[in-house]
PDB file of N, CA and C in Angstrom:
ATOM      1  N   UNK A   1      14.887 -10.522  -5.241  1.00  0.00           N
ATOM      2  CA  UNK A   1      13.827 -10.718  -4.263  1.00  0.00           C
ATOM      3  C   UNK A   1      13.773 -12.180  -3.876  1.00  0.00           C
ATOM      4  N   UNK A   2      13.585 -12.410  -2.593  1.00  0.00           N
ATOM      5  CA  UNK A   2      13.427 -13.778  -2.146  1.00  0.00           C
ATOM      6  C   UNK A   2      12.169 -14.361  -2.779  1.00  0.00           C
ATOM      7  N   UNK A   3      12.117 -15.667  -2.842  1.00  0.00           N
ATOM      8  CA  UNK A   3      10.937 -16.321  -3.377  1.00  0.00           C
ATOM      9  C   UNK A   3       9.742 -15.993  -2.485  1.00  0.00           C
ATOM     10  N   UNK A   4       8.676 -15.504  -3.091  1.00  0.00           N
ATOM     11  CA  UNK A   4       7.473 -15.177  -2.337  1.00  0.00           C
ATOM     12  C   UNK A   4       6.748 -16.472  -2.007  1.00  0.00           C
ATOM     13  N   UNK A   5       6.275 -16.579  -0.785  1.00  0.00           N
ATOM     14  CA  UNK A   5       5.563 -17.759  -0.315  1.00  0.00           C
ATOM     15  C   UNK A   5       4.466 -18.144  -1.310  1.00  0.00           C
ATOM     16  N   UNK A   6       4.407 -19.399  -1.645  1.00  0.00           N
ATOM     17  CA  UNK A   6       3.465 -19.886  -2.648  1.00  0.00           C
ATOM     18  C   UNK A   6       2.012 -19.816  -2.200  1.00  0.00           C
ATOM     19  N   UNK A   7       1.765 -19.617  -0.914  1.00  0.00           N
ATOM     20  CA  UNK A   7       0.390 -19.540  -0.434  1.00  0.00           C
ATOM     21  C   UNK A   7      -0.284 -18.228  -0.815  1.00  0.00           C
ATOM     22  N   UNK A   8       0.482 -17.228  -1.225  1.00  0.00           N
ATOM     23  CA  UNK A   8      -0.091 -15.942  -1.564  1.00  0.00           C
ATOM     24  C   UNK A   8      -0.740 -15.957  -2.938  1.00  0.00           C
ATOM     25  N   UNK A   9      -1.780 -15.146  -3.088  1.00  0.00           N
ATOM     26  CA  UNK A   9      -2.473 -15.028  -4.365  1.00  0.00           C
ATOM     27  C   UNK A   9      -1.597 -14.292  -5.386  1.00  0.00           C
ATOM     28  N   UNK A  10      -2.003 -14.354  -6.627  1.00  0.00           N
ATOM     29  CA  UNK A  10      -1.277 -13.644  -7.685  1.00  0.00           C
ATOM     30  C   UNK A  10      -1.284 -12.138  -7.403  1.00  0.00           C
ATOM     31  N   UNK A  11      -2.403 -11.624  -6.890  1.00  0.00           N
ATOM     32  CA  UNK A  11      -2.496 -10.193  -6.570  1.00  0.00           C
ATOM     33  C   UNK A  11      -1.500  -9.824  -5.476  1.00  0.00           C
ATOM     34  N   UNK A  12      -1.416 -10.643  -4.433  1.00  0.00           N
ATOM     35  CA  UNK A  12      -0.469 -10.371  -3.352  1.00  0.00           C
ATOM     36  C   UNK A  12       0.961 -10.417  -3.863  1.00  0.00           C
ATOM     37  N   UNK A  13       1.263 -11.382  -4.704  1.00  0.00           N
ATOM     38  CA  UNK A  13       2.611 -11.476  -5.270  1.00  0.00           C
ATOM     39  C   UNK A  13       2.931 -10.241  -6.104  1.00  0.00           C
ATOM     40  N   UNK A  14       1.942  -9.748  -6.849  1.00  0.00           N
ATOM     41  CA  UNK A  14       2.134  -8.523  -7.637  1.00  0.00           C
ATOM     42  C   UNK A  14       2.425  -7.341  -6.706  1.00  0.00           C
ATOM     43  N   UNK A  15       1.658  -7.255  -5.617  1.00  0.00           N
ATOM     44  CA  UNK A  15       1.874  -6.181  -4.644  1.00  0.00           C
ATOM     45  C   UNK A  15       3.273  -6.255  -4.047  1.00  0.00           C
ATOM     46  N   UNK A  16       3.732  -7.470  -3.721  1.00  0.00           N
ATOM     47  CA  UNK A  16       5.073  -7.630  -3.173  1.00  0.00           C
ATOM     48  C   UNK A  16       6.128  -7.154  -4.167  1.00  0.00           C
ATOM     49  N   UNK A  17       5.919  -7.431  -5.447  1.00  0.00           N
ATOM     50  CA  UNK A  17       6.873  -6.968  -6.466  1.00  0.00           C
ATOM     51  C   UNK A  17       6.879  -5.450  -6.537  1.00  0.00           C
ATOM     52  N   UNK A  18       5.697  -4.835  -6.429  1.00  0.00           N
ATOM     53  CA  UNK A  18       5.622  -3.375  -6.426  1.00  0.00           C
ATOM     54  C   UNK A  18       6.353  -2.806  -5.209  1.00  0.00           C
ATOM     55  N   UNK A  19       6.142  -3.419  -4.057  1.00  0.00           N
ATOM     56  CA  UNK A  19       6.795  -2.964  -2.835  1.00  0.00           C
ATOM     57  C   UNK A  19       8.309  -3.082  -2.978  1.00  0.00           C
ATOM     58  N   UNK A  20       8.755  -4.204  -3.494  1.00  0.00           N
ATOM     59  CA  UNK A  20      10.194  -4.396  -3.684  1.00  0.00           C
ATOM     60  C   UNK A  20      10.757  -3.323  -4.604  1.00  0.00           C
ATOM     61  N   UNK A  21      10.083  -3.076  -5.707  1.00  0.00           N
ATOM     62  CA  UNK A  21      10.556  -2.078  -6.661  1.00  0.00           C
ATOM     63  C   UNK A  21      10.580  -0.685  -6.030  1.00  0.00           C
ATOM     64  N   UNK A  22       9.558  -0.386  -5.251  1.00  0.00           N
ATOM     65  CA  UNK A  22       9.494   0.922  -4.596  1.00  0.00           C
ATOM     66  C   UNK A  22      10.610   1.079  -3.577  1.00  0.00           C
ATOM     67  N   UNK A  23      10.842   0.056  -2.778  1.00  0.00           N
ATOM     68  CA  UNK A  23      11.823   0.136  -1.700  1.00  0.00           C
ATOM     69  C   UNK A  23      13.253   0.041  -2.232  1.00  0.00           C
ATOM     70  N   UNK A  24      13.525  -0.989  -3.000  1.00  0.00           N
ATOM     71  CA  UNK A  24      14.904  -1.251  -3.421  1.00  0.00           C
ATOM     72  C   UNK A  24      15.353  -0.348  -4.565  1.00  0.00           C
ATOM     73  N   UNK A  25      14.444  -0.019  -5.464  1.00  0.00           N
ATOM     74  CA  UNK A  25      14.819   0.762  -6.643  1.00  0.00           C
ATOM     75  C   UNK A  25      14.363   2.213  -6.557  1.00  0.00           C
ATOM     76  N   UNK A  26      13.569   2.552  -5.541  1.00  0.00           N
ATOM     77  CA  UNK A  26      13.032   3.907  -5.457  1.00  0.00           C
ATOM     78  C   UNK A  26      12.075   4.221  -6.590  1.00  0.00           C
ATOM     79  N   UNK A  27      11.428   3.198  -7.110  1.00  0.00           N
ATOM     80  CA  UNK A  27      10.545   3.333  -8.260  1.00  0.00           C
ATOM     81  C   UNK A  27       9.263   4.073  -7.878  1.00  0.00           C
ATOM     82  N   UNK A  28       9.153   5.310  -8.316  1.00  0.00           N
ATOM     83  CA  UNK A  28       7.984   6.126  -7.985  1.00  0.00           C
ATOM     84  C   UNK A  28       6.720   5.608  -8.662  1.00  0.00           C
ATOM     85  N   UNK A  29       6.856   4.977  -9.813  1.00  0.00           N
ATOM     86  CA  UNK A  29       5.676   4.404 -10.483  1.00  0.00           C
ATOM     87  C   UNK A  29       5.103   3.253  -9.659  1.00  0.00           C
ATOM     88  N   UNK A  30       5.958   2.506  -8.989  1.00  0.00           N
ATOM     89  CA  UNK A  30       5.490   1.419  -8.124  1.00  0.00           C
ATOM     90  C   UNK A  30       4.717   1.995  -6.941  1.00  0.00           C
ATOM     91  N   UNK A  31       5.246   3.067  -6.331  1.00  0.00           N
ATOM     92  CA  UNK A  31       4.525   3.734  -5.253  1.00  0.00           C
ATOM     93  C   UNK A  31       3.156   4.200  -5.757  1.00  0.00           C
ATOM     94  N   UNK A  32       3.146   4.843  -6.913  1.00  0.00           N
ATOM     95  CA  UNK A  32       1.902   5.371  -7.468  1.00  0.00           C
ATOM     96  C   UNK A  32       0.896   4.256  -7.741  1.00  0.00           C
ATOM     97  N   UNK A  33       1.373   3.127  -8.249  1.00  0.00           N
ATOM     98  CA  UNK A  33       0.461   2.019  -8.526  1.00  0.00           C
ATOM     99  C   UNK A  33      -0.122   1.458  -7.227  1.00  0.00           C
ATOM    100  N   UNK A  34       0.695   1.347  -6.198  1.00  0.00           N
ATOM    101  CA  UNK A  34       0.179   0.886  -4.911  1.00  0.00           C
ATOM    102  C   UNK A  34      -0.894   1.836  -4.380  1.00  0.00           C
ATOM    103  N   UNK A  35      -0.647   3.120  -4.505  1.00  0.00           N
ATOM    104  CA  UNK A  35      -1.653   4.098  -4.063  1.00  0.00           C
ATOM    105  C   UNK A  35      -2.923   3.988  -4.892  1.00  0.00           C
ATOM    106  N   UNK A  36      -2.773   3.799  -6.190  1.00  0.00           N
ATOM    107  CA  UNK A  36      -3.933   3.675  -7.068  1.00  0.00           C
ATOM    108  C   UNK A  36      -4.781   2.460  -6.670  1.00  0.00           C
ATOM    109  N   UNK A  37      -4.120   1.377  -6.351  1.00  0.00           N
ATOM    110  CA  UNK A  37      -4.820   0.142  -5.984  1.00  0.00           C
ATOM    111  C   UNK A  37      -5.560   0.290  -4.659  1.00  0.00           C
ATOM    112  N   UNK A  38      -4.917   0.925  -3.673  1.00  0.00           N
ATOM    113  CA  UNK A  38      -5.445   0.911  -2.311  1.00  0.00           C
ATOM    114  C   UNK A  38      -6.081   2.205  -1.820  1.00  0.00           C
ATOM    115  N   UNK A  39      -6.001   3.285  -2.585  1.00  0.00           N
ATOM    116  CA  UNK A  39      -6.518   4.570  -2.111  1.00  0.00           C
ATOM    117  C   UNK A  39      -8.013   4.504  -1.796  1.00  0.00           C
ATOM    118  N   UNK A  40      -8.810   4.027  -2.711  1.00  0.00           N
ATOM    119  CA  UNK A  40     -10.262   3.999  -2.497  1.00  0.00           C
ATOM    120  C   UNK A  40     -10.656   3.044  -1.374  1.00  0.00           C
ATOM    121  N   UNK A  41     -10.134   1.816  -1.341  1.00  0.00           N
ATOM    122  CA  UNK A  41     -10.522   0.943  -0.227  1.00  0.00           C
ATOM    123  C   UNK A  41     -10.137   1.508   1.148  1.00  0.00           C
ATOM    124  N   UNK A  42      -8.966   2.116   1.237  1.00  0.00           N
ATOM    125  CA  UNK A  42      -8.552   2.705   2.515  1.00  0.00           C
ATOM    126  C   UNK A  42      -9.470   3.875   2.862  1.00  0.00           C
ATOM    127  N   UNK A  43      -9.727   4.728   1.893  1.00  0.00           N
ATOM    128  CA  UNK A  43     -10.619   5.873   2.117  1.00  0.00           C
ATOM    129  C   UNK A  43     -11.995   5.398   2.581  1.00  0.00           C
ATOM    130  N   UNK A  44     -12.531   4.376   1.924  1.00  0.00           N
ATOM    131  CA  UNK A  44     -13.865   3.875   2.283  1.00  0.00           C
ATOM    132  C   UNK A  44     -13.921   3.376   3.726  1.00  0.00           C
ATOM    133  N   UNK A  45     -12.898   2.663   4.147  1.00  0.00           N
ATOM    134  CA  UNK A  45     -12.852   2.170   5.534  1.00  0.00           C
ATOM    135  C   UNK A  45     -12.758   3.342   6.510  1.00  0.00           C
ATOM    136  N   UNK A  46     -11.881   4.286   6.211  1.00  0.00           N
ATOM    137  CA  UNK A  46     -11.715   5.443   7.091  1.00  0.00           C
ATOM    138  C   UNK A  46     -13.005   6.259   7.149  1.00  0.00           C
ATOM    139  N   UNK A  47     -13.643   6.444   6.010  1.00  0.00           N
ATOM    140  CA  UNK A  47     -14.895   7.204   5.970  1.00  0.00           C
ATOM    141  C   UNK A  47     -15.963   6.550   6.847  1.00  0.00           C
ATOM    142  N   UNK A  48     -16.038   5.234   6.816  1.00  0.00           N
ATOM    143  CA  UNK A  48     -17.006   4.534   7.673  1.00  0.00           C
ATOM    144  C   UNK A  48     -16.704   4.768   9.150  1.00  0.00           C
ATOM    145  N   UNK A  49     -15.434   4.939   9.481  1.00  0.00           N
ATOM    146  CA  UNK A  49     -15.055   5.143  10.877  1.00  0.00           C
ATOM    147  C   UNK A  49     -15.295   6.574  11.335  1.00  0.00           C
ATOM    148  N   UNK A  50     -14.960   7.553  10.491  1.00  0.00           N
ATOM    149  CA  UNK A  50     -15.037   8.954  10.937  1.00  0.00           C
ATOM    150  C   UNK A  50     -16.281   9.685  10.447  1.00  0.00           C
ATOM    151  N   UNK A  51     -16.907   9.174   9.409  1.00  0.00           N
ATOM    152  CA  UNK A  51     -18.156   9.737   8.865  1.00  0.00           C
ATOM    153  C   UNK A  51     -18.052  11.212   8.477  1.00  0.00           C
ATOM    154  N   UNK A  52     -16.873  11.585   8.024  1.00  0.00           N
ATOM    155  CA  UNK A  52     -16.660  12.948   7.552  1.00  0.00           C
ATOM    156  C   UNK A  52     -15.700  12.873   6.373  1.00  0.00           C
ATOM    157  N   UNK A  53     -16.171  13.215   5.159  1.00  0.00           N
ATOM    158  CA  UNK A  53     -15.328  13.067   3.961  1.00  0.00           C
ATOM    159  C   UNK A  53     -14.008  13.826   4.015  1.00  0.00           C
ATOM    160  N   UNK A  54     -14.022  15.036   4.552  1.00  0.00           N
ATOM    161  CA  UNK A  54     -12.771  15.808   4.624  1.00  0.00           C
ATOM    162  C   UNK A  54     -11.771  15.157   5.570  1.00  0.00           C
ATOM    163  N   UNK A  55     -12.255  14.722   6.726  1.00  0.00           N
ATOM    164  CA  UNK A  55     -11.374  14.033   7.670  1.00  0.00           C
ATOM    165  C   UNK A  55     -10.875  12.722   7.080  1.00  0.00           C
ATOM    166  N   UNK A  56     -11.751  12.021   6.374  1.00  0.00           N
ATOM    167  CA  UNK A  56     -11.368  10.745   5.772  1.00  0.00           C
ATOM    168  C   UNK A  56     -10.269  10.943   4.731  1.00  0.00           C
ATOM    169  N   UNK A  57     -10.371  11.995   3.940  1.00  0.00           N
ATOM    170  CA  UNK A  57      -9.322  12.281   2.949  1.00  0.00           C
ATOM    171  C   UNK A  57      -7.989  12.542   3.638  1.00  0.00           C
ATOM    172  N   UNK A  58      -8.023  13.368   4.670  1.00  0.00           N
ATOM    173  CA  UNK A  58      -6.791  13.716   5.384  1.00  0.00           C
ATOM    174  C   UNK A  58      -6.170  12.484   6.057  1.00  0.00           C
ATOM    175  N   UNK A  59      -7.004  11.684   6.690  1.00  0.00           N
ATOM    176  CA  UNK A  59      -6.509  10.483   7.359  1.00  0.00           C
ATOM    177  C   UNK A  59      -5.987   9.455   6.366  1.00  0.00           C
ATOM    178  N   UNK A  60      -6.599   9.380   5.200  1.00  0.00           N
ATOM    179  CA  UNK A  60      -6.119   8.468   4.152  1.00  0.00           C
ATOM    180  C   UNK A  60      -4.730   8.880   3.699  1.00  0.00           C
ATOM    181  N   UNK A  61      -4.534  10.167   3.500  1.00  0.00           N
ATOM    182  CA  UNK A  61      -3.215  10.673   3.108  1.00  0.00           C
ATOM    183  C   UNK A  61      -2.185  10.356   4.188  1.00  0.00           C
ATOM    184  N   UNK A  62      -2.553  10.568   5.438  1.00  0.00           N
ATOM    185  CA  UNK A  62      -1.642  10.269   6.544  1.00  0.00           C
ATOM    186  C   UNK A  62      -1.318   8.778   6.607  1.00  0.00           C
ATOM    187  N   UNK A  63      -2.333   7.950   6.384  1.00  0.00           N
ATOM    188  CA  UNK A  63      -2.119   6.498   6.417  1.00  0.00           C
ATOM    189  C   UNK A  63      -1.147   6.067   5.324  1.00  0.00           C
ATOM    190  N   UNK A  64      -1.310   6.614   4.134  1.00  0.00           N
ATOM    191  CA  UNK A  64      -0.405   6.269   3.042  1.00  0.00           C
ATOM    192  C   UNK A  64       1.007   6.772   3.309  1.00  0.00           C
ATOM    193  N   UNK A  65       1.127   7.957   3.858  1.00  0.00           N
ATOM    194  CA  UNK A  65       2.465   8.482   4.167  1.00  0.00           C
ATOM    195  C   UNK A  65       3.170   7.556   5.149  1.00  0.00           C
ATOM    196  N   UNK A  66       2.456   7.134   6.180  1.00  0.00           N
ATOM    197  CA  UNK A  66       3.053   6.236   7.172  1.00  0.00           C
ATOM    198  C   UNK A  66       3.365   4.876   6.544  1.00  0.00           C
ATOM    199  N   UNK A  67       2.461   4.365   5.750  1.00  0.00           N
ATOM    200  CA  UNK A  67       2.676   3.064   5.102  1.00  0.00           C
ATOM    201  C   UNK A  67       3.882   3.115   4.166  1.00  0.00           C
ATOM    202  N   UNK A  68       4.001   4.164   3.394  1.00  0.00           N
ATOM    203  CA  UNK A  68       5.118   4.266   2.455  1.00  0.00           C
ATOM    204  C   UNK A  68       6.456   4.370   3.184  1.00  0.00           C
ATOM    205  N   UNK A  69       6.462   5.039   4.325  1.00  0.00           N
ATOM    206  CA  UNK A  69       7.694   5.121   5.116  1.00  0.00           C
ATOM    207  C   UNK A  69       8.102   3.753   5.670  1.00  0.00           C
ATOM    208  N   UNK A  70       7.143   2.867   5.799  1.00  0.00           N
ATOM    209  CA  UNK A  70       7.409   1.568   6.419  1.00  0.00           C
ATOM    210  C   UNK A  70       7.339   0.392   5.452  1.00  0.00           C
ATOM    211  N   UNK A  71       7.336   0.656   4.159  1.00  0.00           N
ATOM    212  CA  UNK A  71       7.273  -0.430   3.178  1.00  0.00           C
ATOM    213  C   UNK A  71       8.420  -1.423   3.335  1.00  0.00           C
ATOM    214  N   UNK A  72       9.553  -0.935   3.764  1.00  0.00           N
ATOM    215  CA  UNK A  72      10.715  -1.812   3.898  1.00  0.00           C
ATOM    216  C   UNK A  72      10.523  -2.876   4.984  1.00  0.00           C
ATOM    217  N   UNK A  73       9.480  -2.741   5.795  1.00  0.00           N
ATOM    218  CA  UNK A  73       9.216  -3.694   6.870  1.00  0.00           C
ATOM    219  C   UNK A  73       8.248  -4.809   6.454  1.00  0.00           C
ATOM    220  N   UNK A  74       7.749  -4.760   5.226  1.00  0.00           N
ATOM    221  CA  UNK A  74       6.803  -5.763   4.762  1.00  0.00           C
ATOM    222  C   UNK A  74       7.479  -7.115   4.703  1.00  0.00           C
ATOM    223  N   UNK A  75       6.827  -8.110   5.265  1.00  0.00           N
ATOM    224  CA  UNK A  75       7.358  -9.478   5.289  1.00  0.00           C
ATOM    225  C   UNK A  75       6.558 -10.313   4.293  1.00  0.00           C
ATOM    226  N   UNK A  76       7.221 -10.850   3.310  1.00  0.00           N
ATOM    227  CA  UNK A  76       6.533 -11.632   2.283  1.00  0.00           C
ATOM    228  C   UNK A  76       6.786 -13.129   2.423  1.00  0.00           C
ATOM    229  N   UNK A  77       7.124 -13.557   3.605  1.00  0.00           N
ATOM    230  CA  UNK A  77       7.371 -14.982   3.833  1.00  0.00           C
ATOM    231  C   UNK A  77       6.170 -15.666   4.411  1.00  0.00           C
TER     232      UNK A  77
END
């Protein structure tokens, strides 16, 4: 992995390592950890927008599916 920009927080650097592991190594545990970290915050934002828990759950799943397909595009510079 390229050197992660020093301006990023320790949490961001950890996330970048998870992304790298998920993308380059196909590490399913890295994918799962990313989902564990971000599932609730994403759901909460979506719920505030749609105001329907069932729709928010479905949209959260869709958001994660799209995000996981595009992890290889993350720029850590």
